[in-house]
Amino acid sequence: MPATFNLSLVLLAAASISACSGPATQRQARPAASTAQPREHPLAATVLPAVCGPNAPAIPIDAYKKDVAYLIVRANPGHTFDGRLPPMLPAIVVVRLSVAPNGALADAVVQRSRDDIASRIALESVKRAGYFPSPCGLTKGSKHPFSFSETFLFNDRYEFQLRSIAGAQ
């Protein structure tokens, strides 16, 4: 194998491992599935299950989508805007996300868009967010990713808000 390919694999493995670990103060032992209590995700606004598995409590789909939306927004501070949505949105992009049981982004594709620049920004923003909360209780078994759509609402400066957490227009 070429040296650049081997280096790429090493860097990818290192990035995957480092994305799974946080500062020592944030690491917590996970209780057994039968005693699992919800824990708050450090970057989200809702409560996520502490343990995945057959006994993991299900979370509402809308709550999961909000968690993912908050992570995307926090990973892209230079591409988002706060406040009221403009009366006319110059670009709207619908992205279909698939999240693996471990929280890794399995796929992200544009479902609907009329603006190539906004589409590129939306896909790059999803990828910049990295890992997402595990979709415990939302998949049909541990091998299947959970897929859902998120709508990116762009202003005239190509900054976005996400429909799952955006305010009124």
N, C-alpha and C. Protein backbone atom coordinates (compact mmCIF):
# COMPACT_ATOMS: atom_id res chain seq x y z
N MET A 1 0.84 -1.19 0.00
CA MET A 1 0.00 0.00 0.00
C MET A 1 0.88 1.24 0.00
N PRO A 2 0.44 2.31 -0.67
CA PRO A 2 1.22 3.53 -0.66
C PRO A 2 1.28 4.12 0.75
N ALA A 3 2.36 4.84 1.03
CA ALA A 3 2.55 5.43 2.35
C ALA A 3 1.46 6.43 2.68
N THR A 4 0.97 7.19 1.68
CA THR A 4 -0.08 8.17 1.96
C THR A 4 -1.39 7.50 2.35
N PHE A 5 -1.66 6.32 1.76
CA PHE A 5 -2.86 5.59 2.13
C PHE A 5 -2.76 5.10 3.57
N ASN A 6 -1.59 4.55 3.96
CA ASN A 6 -1.39 4.08 5.33
C ASN A 6 -1.51 5.23 6.31
N LEU A 7 -0.92 6.39 5.97
CA LEU A 7 -1.00 7.56 6.84
C LEU A 7 -2.45 8.01 6.97
N SER A 8 -3.21 7.97 5.87
CA SER A 8 -4.62 8.36 5.92
C SER A 8 -5.40 7.45 6.85
N LEU A 9 -5.12 6.14 6.79
CA LEU A 9 -5.82 5.20 7.68
C LEU A 9 -5.48 5.48 9.14
N VAL A 10 -4.22 5.76 9.42
CA VAL A 10 -3.80 6.06 10.80
C VAL A 10 -4.48 7.33 11.29
N LEU A 11 -4.52 8.37 10.45
CA LEU A 11 -5.15 9.62 10.85
C LEU A 11 -6.65 9.44 11.05
N LEU A 12 -7.29 8.65 10.18
CA LEU A 12 -8.71 8.40 10.32
C LEU A 12 -9.01 7.64 11.62
N ALA A 13 -8.19 6.65 11.93
CA ALA A 13 -8.37 5.89 13.17
C ALA A 13 -8.16 6.78 14.38
N ALA A 14 -7.15 7.63 14.34
CA ALA A 14 -6.88 8.53 15.47
C ALA A 14 -8.02 9.51 15.66
N ALA A 15 -8.55 10.04 14.55
CA ALA A 15 -9.67 10.98 14.65
C ALA A 15 -10.90 10.29 15.21
N SER A 16 -11.15 9.06 14.80
CA SER A 16 -12.31 8.33 15.30
C SER A 16 -12.20 8.07 16.79
N ILE A 17 -11.02 7.69 17.23
CA ILE A 17 -10.81 7.40 18.66
C ILE A 17 -10.92 8.67 19.47
N SER A 18 -10.32 9.77 18.99
CA SER A 18 -10.36 11.00 19.77
C SER A 18 -11.76 11.59 19.81
N ALA A 19 -12.56 11.36 18.75
CA ALA A 19 -13.93 11.87 18.75
C ALA A 19 -14.79 11.16 19.79
N CYS A 20 -14.43 9.94 20.13
CA CYS A 20 -15.22 9.17 21.09
C CYS A 20 -14.88 9.50 22.53
N SER A 21 -13.74 10.12 22.75
CA SER A 21 -13.35 10.40 24.12
C SER A 21 -13.44 11.89 24.39
N GLY A 22 -13.72 12.23 25.58
CA GLY A 22 -13.77 13.62 25.99
C GLY A 22 -12.82 13.84 27.13
N PRO A 23 -12.82 15.06 27.69
CA PRO A 23 -11.98 15.30 28.85
C PRO A 23 -12.35 14.34 29.98
N ALA A 24 -11.38 14.05 30.82
CA ALA A 24 -11.59 13.08 31.90
C ALA A 24 -12.76 13.48 32.80
N THR A 25 -13.02 14.78 32.93
CA THR A 25 -14.11 15.22 33.80
C THR A 25 -15.48 14.89 33.21
N GLN A 26 -15.56 14.64 31.88
CA GLN A 26 -16.85 14.35 31.28
C GLN A 26 -17.12 12.85 31.19
N ARG A 27 -16.12 12.04 31.33
CA ARG A 27 -16.30 10.59 31.23
C ARG A 27 -17.02 10.08 32.46
N GLN A 28 -17.98 9.21 32.21
CA GLN A 28 -18.71 8.62 33.31
C GLN A 28 -18.84 7.13 33.05
N ALA A 29 -18.80 6.35 34.10
CA ALA A 29 -19.04 4.91 33.94
C ALA A 29 -20.49 4.73 33.56
N ARG A 30 -20.74 3.82 32.64
CA ARG A 30 -22.11 3.56 32.23
C ARG A 30 -22.70 2.46 33.09
N PRO A 31 -23.87 2.69 33.64
CA PRO A 31 -24.49 1.66 34.46
C PRO A 31 -24.99 0.51 33.60
N ALA A 32 -25.29 -0.60 34.24
CA ALA A 32 -25.83 -1.76 33.53
C ALA A 32 -27.17 -1.38 32.90
N ALA A 33 -27.54 -2.06 31.85
CA ALA A 33 -28.76 -1.72 31.10
C ALA A 33 -29.99 -1.71 31.99
N SER A 34 -30.07 -2.59 32.96
CA SER A 34 -31.26 -2.68 33.80
C SER A 34 -31.39 -1.49 34.75
N THR A 35 -30.29 -0.79 35.03
CA THR A 35 -30.34 0.36 35.94
C THR A 35 -30.04 1.66 35.21
N ALA A 36 -30.10 1.66 33.88
CA ALA A 36 -29.74 2.84 33.10
C ALA A 36 -30.65 4.02 33.43
N GLN A 37 -30.03 5.12 33.69
CA GLN A 37 -30.74 6.36 33.93
C GLN A 37 -30.40 7.33 32.80
N PRO A 38 -31.34 8.20 32.41
CA PRO A 38 -31.02 9.15 31.36
C PRO A 38 -29.88 10.07 31.80
N ARG A 39 -29.06 10.50 30.84
CA ARG A 39 -28.02 11.47 31.11
C ARG A 39 -28.18 12.61 30.12
N GLU A 40 -27.76 13.77 30.49
CA GLU A 40 -27.85 14.89 29.58
C GLU A 40 -26.64 14.90 28.68
N HIS A 41 -26.88 15.00 27.38
CA HIS A 41 -25.78 15.11 26.43
C HIS A 41 -25.15 16.48 26.63
N PRO A 42 -23.79 16.58 26.66
CA PRO A 42 -23.15 17.85 26.98
C PRO A 42 -23.43 18.97 25.99
N LEU A 43 -23.82 18.67 24.76
CA LEU A 43 -24.05 19.71 23.77
C LEU A 43 -25.49 19.80 23.32
N ALA A 44 -26.39 19.14 23.97
CA ALA A 44 -27.77 19.14 23.53
C ALA A 44 -28.70 19.60 24.63
N ALA A 45 -29.94 19.82 24.25
CA ALA A 45 -30.90 20.37 25.20
C ALA A 45 -31.85 19.34 25.78
N THR A 46 -31.83 18.12 25.27
CA THR A 46 -32.75 17.12 25.78
C THR A 46 -31.99 16.00 26.47
N VAL A 47 -32.72 15.08 27.04
CA VAL A 47 -32.11 13.99 27.78
C VAL A 47 -31.99 12.77 26.87
N LEU A 48 -30.80 12.17 26.85
CA LEU A 48 -30.53 10.99 26.02
C LEU A 48 -30.33 9.78 26.91
N PRO A 49 -30.60 8.58 26.39
CA PRO A 49 -30.37 7.38 27.20
C PRO A 49 -28.90 7.18 27.50
N ALA A 50 -28.59 6.65 28.68
CA ALA A 50 -27.20 6.42 29.08
C ALA A 50 -26.64 5.16 28.43
N VAL A 51 -27.49 4.20 28.13
CA VAL A 51 -27.04 2.92 27.60
C VAL A 51 -27.94 2.52 26.44
N CYS A 52 -27.33 2.01 25.37
CA CYS A 52 -28.10 1.47 24.27
C CYS A 52 -28.30 -0.02 24.48
N GLY A 53 -29.32 -0.54 23.91
CA GLY A 53 -29.59 -1.96 24.01
C GLY A 53 -31.07 -2.21 24.05
N PRO A 54 -31.46 -3.44 24.24
CA PRO A 54 -32.88 -3.77 24.21
C PRO A 54 -33.67 -3.10 25.33
N ASN A 55 -33.01 -2.76 26.43
CA ASN A 55 -33.72 -2.13 27.55
C ASN A 55 -33.57 -0.61 27.57
N ALA A 56 -32.95 -0.05 26.53
CA ALA A 56 -32.76 1.40 26.50
C ALA A 56 -34.10 2.08 26.31
N PRO A 57 -34.32 3.17 27.05
CA PRO A 57 -35.59 3.88 26.88
C PRO A 57 -35.63 4.56 25.52
N ALA A 58 -36.77 4.52 24.89
CA ALA A 58 -36.93 5.19 23.59
C ALA A 58 -37.02 6.68 23.82
N ILE A 59 -36.51 7.44 22.87
CA ILE A 59 -36.64 8.90 22.93
C ILE A 59 -37.50 9.32 21.74
N PRO A 60 -38.25 10.39 21.87
CA PRO A 60 -39.06 10.86 20.75
C PRO A 60 -38.17 11.29 19.57
N ILE A 61 -38.64 11.05 18.37
CA ILE A 61 -37.87 11.41 17.17
C ILE A 61 -37.59 12.91 17.15
N ASP A 62 -38.57 13.73 17.50
CA ASP A 62 -38.36 15.18 17.48
C ASP A 62 -37.27 15.61 18.47
N ALA A 63 -37.20 14.95 19.62
CA ALA A 63 -36.15 15.26 20.60
C ALA A 63 -34.78 14.89 20.04
N TYR A 64 -34.70 13.75 19.38
CA TYR A 64 -33.42 13.34 18.78
C TYR A 64 -33.00 14.33 17.69
N LYS A 65 -33.95 14.74 16.85
CA LYS A 65 -33.63 15.69 15.77
C LYS A 65 -33.15 17.02 16.35
N LYS A 66 -33.73 17.44 17.46
CA LYS A 66 -33.27 18.68 18.10
C LYS A 66 -31.85 18.53 18.62
N ASP A 67 -31.54 17.39 19.22
CA ASP A 67 -30.18 17.14 19.70
C ASP A 67 -29.18 17.24 18.55
N VAL A 68 -29.50 16.59 17.44
CA VAL A 68 -28.61 16.63 16.27
C VAL A 68 -28.50 18.06 15.75
N ALA A 69 -29.61 18.78 15.69
CA ALA A 69 -29.59 20.16 15.20
C ALA A 69 -28.70 21.04 16.07
N TYR A 70 -28.81 20.90 17.39
CA TYR A 70 -27.95 21.70 18.27
C TYR A 70 -26.47 21.39 18.03
N LEU A 71 -26.15 20.13 17.82
CA LEU A 71 -24.75 19.77 17.55
C LEU A 71 -24.26 20.37 16.24
N ILE A 72 -25.09 20.35 15.22
CA ILE A 72 -24.70 20.94 13.92
C ILE A 72 -24.48 22.43 14.08
N VAL A 73 -25.38 23.10 14.76
CA VAL A 73 -25.25 24.56 14.95
C VAL A 73 -23.99 24.89 15.74
N ARG A 74 -23.74 24.16 16.81
CA ARG A 74 -22.56 24.43 17.64
C ARG A 74 -21.25 24.14 16.92
N ALA A 75 -21.27 23.24 15.95
CA ALA A 75 -20.06 22.92 15.19
C ALA A 75 -19.82 23.91 14.06
N ASN A 76 -20.78 24.82 13.81
CA ASN A 76 -20.68 25.74 12.68
C ASN A 76 -21.04 27.17 13.06
N PRO A 77 -20.35 27.75 14.06
CA PRO A 77 -20.74 29.08 14.52
C PRO A 77 -20.61 30.17 13.44
N GLY A 78 -19.72 30.02 12.50
CA GLY A 78 -19.55 31.02 11.45
C GLY A 78 -20.54 30.91 10.31
N HIS A 79 -21.38 29.88 10.33
CA HIS A 79 -22.32 29.65 9.23
C HIS A 79 -23.77 29.75 9.67
N THR A 80 -24.01 30.12 10.91
CA THR A 80 -25.38 30.18 11.41
C THR A 80 -25.75 31.60 11.80
N PHE A 81 -27.03 31.86 11.96
CA PHE A 81 -27.49 33.15 12.45
C PHE A 81 -28.58 32.93 13.48
N ASP A 82 -28.74 33.90 14.37
CA ASP A 82 -29.75 33.85 15.42
C ASP A 82 -30.88 34.82 15.08
N GLY A 83 -31.94 34.68 15.81
CA GLY A 83 -33.05 35.62 15.68
C GLY A 83 -34.12 35.12 14.72
N ARG A 84 -34.98 36.05 14.40
CA ARG A 84 -36.13 35.75 13.55
C ARG A 84 -35.68 35.43 12.12
N LEU A 85 -36.37 34.46 11.53
CA LEU A 85 -36.11 34.12 10.14
C LEU A 85 -36.59 35.25 9.23
N PRO A 86 -35.90 35.50 8.13
CA PRO A 86 -36.37 36.54 7.20
C PRO A 86 -37.69 36.13 6.55
N PRO A 87 -38.49 37.11 6.12
CA PRO A 87 -39.79 36.76 5.52
C PRO A 87 -39.64 35.95 4.23
N MET A 88 -38.57 36.20 3.49
CA MET A 88 -38.29 35.43 2.27
C MET A 88 -36.95 34.73 2.47
N LEU A 89 -36.95 33.43 2.36
CA LEU A 89 -35.72 32.65 2.50
C LEU A 89 -35.12 32.42 1.11
N PRO A 90 -33.92 32.96 0.86
CA PRO A 90 -33.33 32.80 -0.46
C PRO A 90 -32.96 31.36 -0.81
N ALA A 91 -32.70 30.52 0.19
CA ALA A 91 -32.35 29.13 -0.08
C ALA A 91 -32.86 28.24 1.04
N ILE A 92 -33.43 27.11 0.65
CA ILE A 92 -33.88 26.08 1.58
C ILE A 92 -33.31 24.76 1.08
N VAL A 93 -32.62 24.04 1.98
CA VAL A 93 -32.00 22.77 1.60
C VAL A 93 -32.49 21.70 2.57
N VAL A 94 -33.00 20.61 2.01
CA VAL A 94 -33.42 19.47 2.83
C VAL A 94 -32.35 18.40 2.68
N VAL A 95 -31.77 18.00 3.83
CA VAL A 95 -30.71 16.99 3.84
C VAL A 95 -31.23 15.75 4.55
N ARG A 96 -31.00 14.60 3.95
CA ARG A 96 -31.33 13.32 4.58
C ARG A 96 -30.08 12.80 5.27
N LEU A 97 -30.15 12.66 6.60
CA LEU A 97 -29.03 12.16 7.39
C LEU A 97 -29.31 10.74 7.83
N SER A 98 -28.27 9.92 7.83
CA SER A 98 -28.35 8.57 8.38
C SER A 98 -27.27 8.46 9.44
N VAL A 99 -27.69 8.12 10.66
CA VAL A 99 -26.77 8.04 11.80
C VAL A 99 -26.68 6.58 12.25
N ALA A 100 -25.45 6.09 12.29
CA ALA A 100 -25.20 4.71 12.71
C ALA A 100 -25.50 4.55 14.20
N PRO A 101 -25.69 3.33 14.67
CA PRO A 101 -25.99 3.10 16.08
C PRO A 101 -24.93 3.68 17.04
N ASN A 102 -23.68 3.80 16.58
CA ASN A 102 -22.63 4.36 17.44
C ASN A 102 -22.58 5.88 17.37
N GLY A 103 -23.45 6.51 16.59
CA GLY A 103 -23.49 7.96 16.48
C GLY A 103 -22.71 8.51 15.30
N ALA A 104 -22.01 7.66 14.57
CA ALA A 104 -21.25 8.12 13.40
C ALA A 104 -22.22 8.49 12.28
N LEU A 105 -21.85 9.49 11.50
CA LEU A 105 -22.64 9.86 10.33
C LEU A 105 -22.43 8.79 9.27
N ALA A 106 -23.48 8.05 8.95
CA ALA A 106 -23.38 7.00 7.94
C ALA A 106 -23.55 7.56 6.54
N ASP A 107 -24.38 8.60 6.40
CA ASP A 107 -24.62 9.19 5.09
C ASP A 107 -25.33 10.53 5.26
N ALA A 108 -25.11 11.41 4.31
CA ALA A 108 -25.83 12.68 4.25
C ALA A 108 -25.97 13.05 2.78
N VAL A 109 -27.20 13.21 2.32
CA VAL A 109 -27.45 13.55 0.93
C VAL A 109 -28.50 14.66 0.86
N VAL A 110 -28.36 15.51 -0.14
CA VAL A 110 -29.33 16.57 -0.36
C VAL A 110 -30.56 15.94 -1.01
N GLN A 111 -31.71 16.14 -0.38
CA GLN A 111 -32.96 15.63 -0.94
C GLN A 111 -33.62 16.67 -1.83
N ARG A 112 -33.48 17.94 -1.43
CA ARG A 112 -34.15 18.99 -2.19
C ARG A 112 -33.38 20.30 -2.02
N SER A 113 -33.10 20.96 -3.15
CA SER A 113 -32.42 22.24 -3.12
C SER A 113 -32.46 22.85 -4.51
N ARG A 114 -32.41 24.17 -4.55
CA ARG A 114 -32.28 24.88 -5.83
C ARG A 114 -31.02 25.73 -5.85
N ASP A 115 -30.17 25.56 -4.85
CA ASP A 115 -28.98 26.40 -4.73
C ASP A 115 -27.78 25.52 -4.41
N ASP A 116 -26.85 25.42 -5.36
CA ASP A 116 -25.68 24.55 -5.18
C ASP A 116 -24.78 24.99 -4.04
N ILE A 117 -24.62 26.31 -3.85
CA ILE A 117 -23.76 26.81 -2.78
C ILE A 117 -24.37 26.45 -1.42
N ALA A 118 -25.66 26.68 -1.27
CA ALA A 118 -26.34 26.34 -0.01
C ALA A 118 -26.28 24.83 0.25
N SER A 119 -26.41 24.03 -0.79
CA SER A 119 -26.33 22.58 -0.63
C SER A 119 -24.96 22.16 -0.13
N ARG A 120 -23.92 22.75 -0.70
CA ARG A 120 -22.55 22.42 -0.28
C ARG A 120 -22.33 22.82 1.17
N ILE A 121 -22.79 24.02 1.55
CA ILE A 121 -22.64 24.48 2.93
C ILE A 121 -23.39 23.54 3.89
N ALA A 122 -24.59 23.14 3.53
CA ALA A 122 -25.38 22.25 4.39
C ALA A 122 -24.66 20.92 4.61
N LEU A 123 -24.18 20.30 3.53
CA LEU A 123 -23.49 19.01 3.67
C LEU A 123 -22.20 19.14 4.46
N GLU A 124 -21.43 20.20 4.19
CA GLU A 124 -20.18 20.40 4.94
C GLU A 124 -20.47 20.64 6.42
N SER A 125 -21.54 21.34 6.72
CA SER A 125 -21.91 21.63 8.11
C SER A 125 -22.27 20.36 8.87
N VAL A 126 -22.99 19.46 8.21
CA VAL A 126 -23.34 18.18 8.84
C VAL A 126 -22.08 17.39 9.11
N LYS A 127 -21.18 17.33 8.16
CA LYS A 127 -19.94 16.56 8.32
C LYS A 127 -19.04 17.16 9.40
N ARG A 128 -19.03 18.50 9.53
CA ARG A 128 -18.21 19.16 10.55
C ARG A 128 -18.67 18.82 11.95
N ALA A 129 -19.94 18.50 12.10
CA ALA A 129 -20.48 18.19 13.43
C ALA A 129 -19.89 16.90 13.99
N GLY A 130 -19.41 16.01 13.14
CA GLY A 130 -18.77 14.78 13.61
C GLY A 130 -19.77 13.77 14.09
N TYR A 131 -19.56 13.28 15.30
CA TYR A 131 -20.44 12.25 15.85
C TYR A 131 -21.70 12.88 16.44
N PHE A 132 -22.76 12.11 16.38
CA PHE A 132 -24.05 12.53 16.90
C PHE A 132 -24.44 11.61 18.05
N PRO A 133 -25.49 11.96 18.79
CA PRO A 133 -25.94 11.06 19.83
C PRO A 133 -26.37 9.72 19.21
N SER A 134 -26.17 8.66 19.94
CA SER A 134 -26.59 7.35 19.47
C SER A 134 -28.12 7.34 19.36
N PRO A 135 -28.66 6.84 18.25
CA PRO A 135 -30.12 6.82 18.09
C PRO A 135 -30.77 5.63 18.79
N CYS A 136 -30.48 5.46 20.07
CA CYS A 136 -31.02 4.34 20.85
C CYS A 136 -32.54 4.31 20.75
N GLY A 137 -33.07 3.15 20.52
CA GLY A 137 -34.51 2.99 20.50
C GLY A 137 -35.17 3.49 19.22
N LEU A 138 -34.40 4.05 18.29
CA LEU A 138 -34.98 4.57 17.06
C LEU A 138 -34.63 3.71 15.85
N THR A 139 -33.81 2.70 16.04
CA THR A 139 -33.41 1.83 14.93
C THR A 139 -34.01 0.45 15.12
N LYS A 140 -34.06 -0.29 14.04
CA LYS A 140 -34.63 -1.66 14.09
C LYS A 140 -33.52 -2.67 14.32
N GLY A 141 -32.76 -2.48 15.34
CA GLY A 141 -31.64 -3.37 15.62
C GLY A 141 -30.34 -2.59 15.58
N SER A 142 -29.33 -3.14 16.16
CA SER A 142 -28.09 -2.41 16.32
C SER A 142 -27.30 -2.21 15.03
N LYS A 143 -27.68 -2.89 13.94
CA LYS A 143 -26.90 -2.78 12.70
C LYS A 143 -27.45 -1.75 11.73
N HIS A 144 -28.62 -1.23 11.97
CA HIS A 144 -29.27 -0.35 11.02
C HIS A 144 -29.14 1.11 11.42
N PRO A 145 -28.74 1.97 10.48
CA PRO A 145 -28.69 3.40 10.80
C PRO A 145 -30.11 3.98 10.90
N PHE A 146 -30.21 5.07 11.61
CA PHE A 146 -31.46 5.81 11.73
C PHE A 146 -31.40 6.97 10.74
N SER A 147 -32.39 7.08 9.87
CA SER A 147 -32.40 8.13 8.85
C SER A 147 -33.55 9.10 9.10
N PHE A 148 -33.28 10.37 8.85
CA PHE A 148 -34.28 11.42 9.01
C PHE A 148 -33.85 12.62 8.18
N SER A 149 -34.74 13.56 8.01
CA SER A 149 -34.44 14.76 7.23
C SER A 149 -34.32 15.97 8.14
N GLU A 150 -33.44 16.88 7.77
CA GLU A 150 -33.31 18.17 8.45
C GLU A 150 -33.33 19.25 7.38
N THR A 151 -34.01 20.34 7.66
CA THR A 151 -34.14 21.44 6.71
C THR A 151 -33.26 22.61 7.13
N PHE A 152 -32.40 23.03 6.23
CA PHE A 152 -31.52 24.18 6.42
C PHE A 152 -32.20 25.40 5.80
N LEU A 153 -32.39 26.44 6.60
CA LEU A 153 -33.05 27.66 6.17
C LEU A 153 -32.00 28.77 6.08
N PHE A 154 -31.69 29.22 4.87
CA PHE A 154 -30.60 30.17 4.64
C PHE A 154 -31.10 31.59 4.48
N ASN A 155 -30.28 32.54 5.00
CA ASN A 155 -30.53 33.95 4.74
C ASN A 155 -29.72 34.37 3.51
N ASP A 156 -29.72 35.65 3.18
CA ASP A 156 -29.03 36.11 1.96
C ASP A 156 -27.51 36.12 2.08
N ARG A 157 -26.97 35.85 3.26
CA ARG A 157 -25.50 35.76 3.47
C ARG A 157 -25.05 34.30 3.57
N TYR A 158 -25.90 33.38 3.18
CA TYR A 158 -25.64 31.93 3.26
C TYR A 158 -25.34 31.46 4.68
N GLU A 159 -26.01 32.08 5.64
CA GLU A 159 -26.00 31.61 7.02
C GLU A 159 -27.32 30.87 7.22
N PHE A 160 -27.31 29.87 8.09
CA PHE A 160 -28.52 29.05 8.22
C PHE A 160 -29.00 28.91 9.64
N GLN A 161 -30.28 28.55 9.73
CA GLN A 161 -30.90 28.01 10.93
C GLN A 161 -31.47 26.66 10.54
N LEU A 162 -31.68 25.79 11.51
CA LEU A 162 -32.23 24.48 11.24
C LEU A 162 -33.69 24.42 11.69
N ARG A 163 -34.53 23.88 10.84
CA ARG A 163 -35.97 23.85 11.08
C ARG A 163 -36.33 23.22 12.43
N SER A 164 -35.60 22.21 12.86
CA SER A 164 -35.92 21.53 14.12
C SER A 164 -35.80 22.44 15.33
N ILE A 165 -35.02 23.51 15.23
CA ILE A 165 -34.83 24.39 16.39
C ILE A 165 -35.05 25.86 16.06
N ALA A 166 -35.46 26.16 14.83
CA ALA A 166 -35.67 27.55 14.42
C ALA A 166 -36.95 28.10 15.03
N GLY A 167 -36.96 29.40 15.23
CA GLY A 167 -38.14 30.06 15.73
C GLY A 167 -39.12 30.36 14.60
N ALA A 168 -40.08 31.21 14.89
CA ALA A 168 -41.09 31.56 13.90
C ALA A 168 -40.49 32.43 12.80
N GLN A 169 -41.14 32.38 11.66
CA GLN A 169 -40.69 33.20 10.53
C GLN A 169 -41.41 34.52 10.53
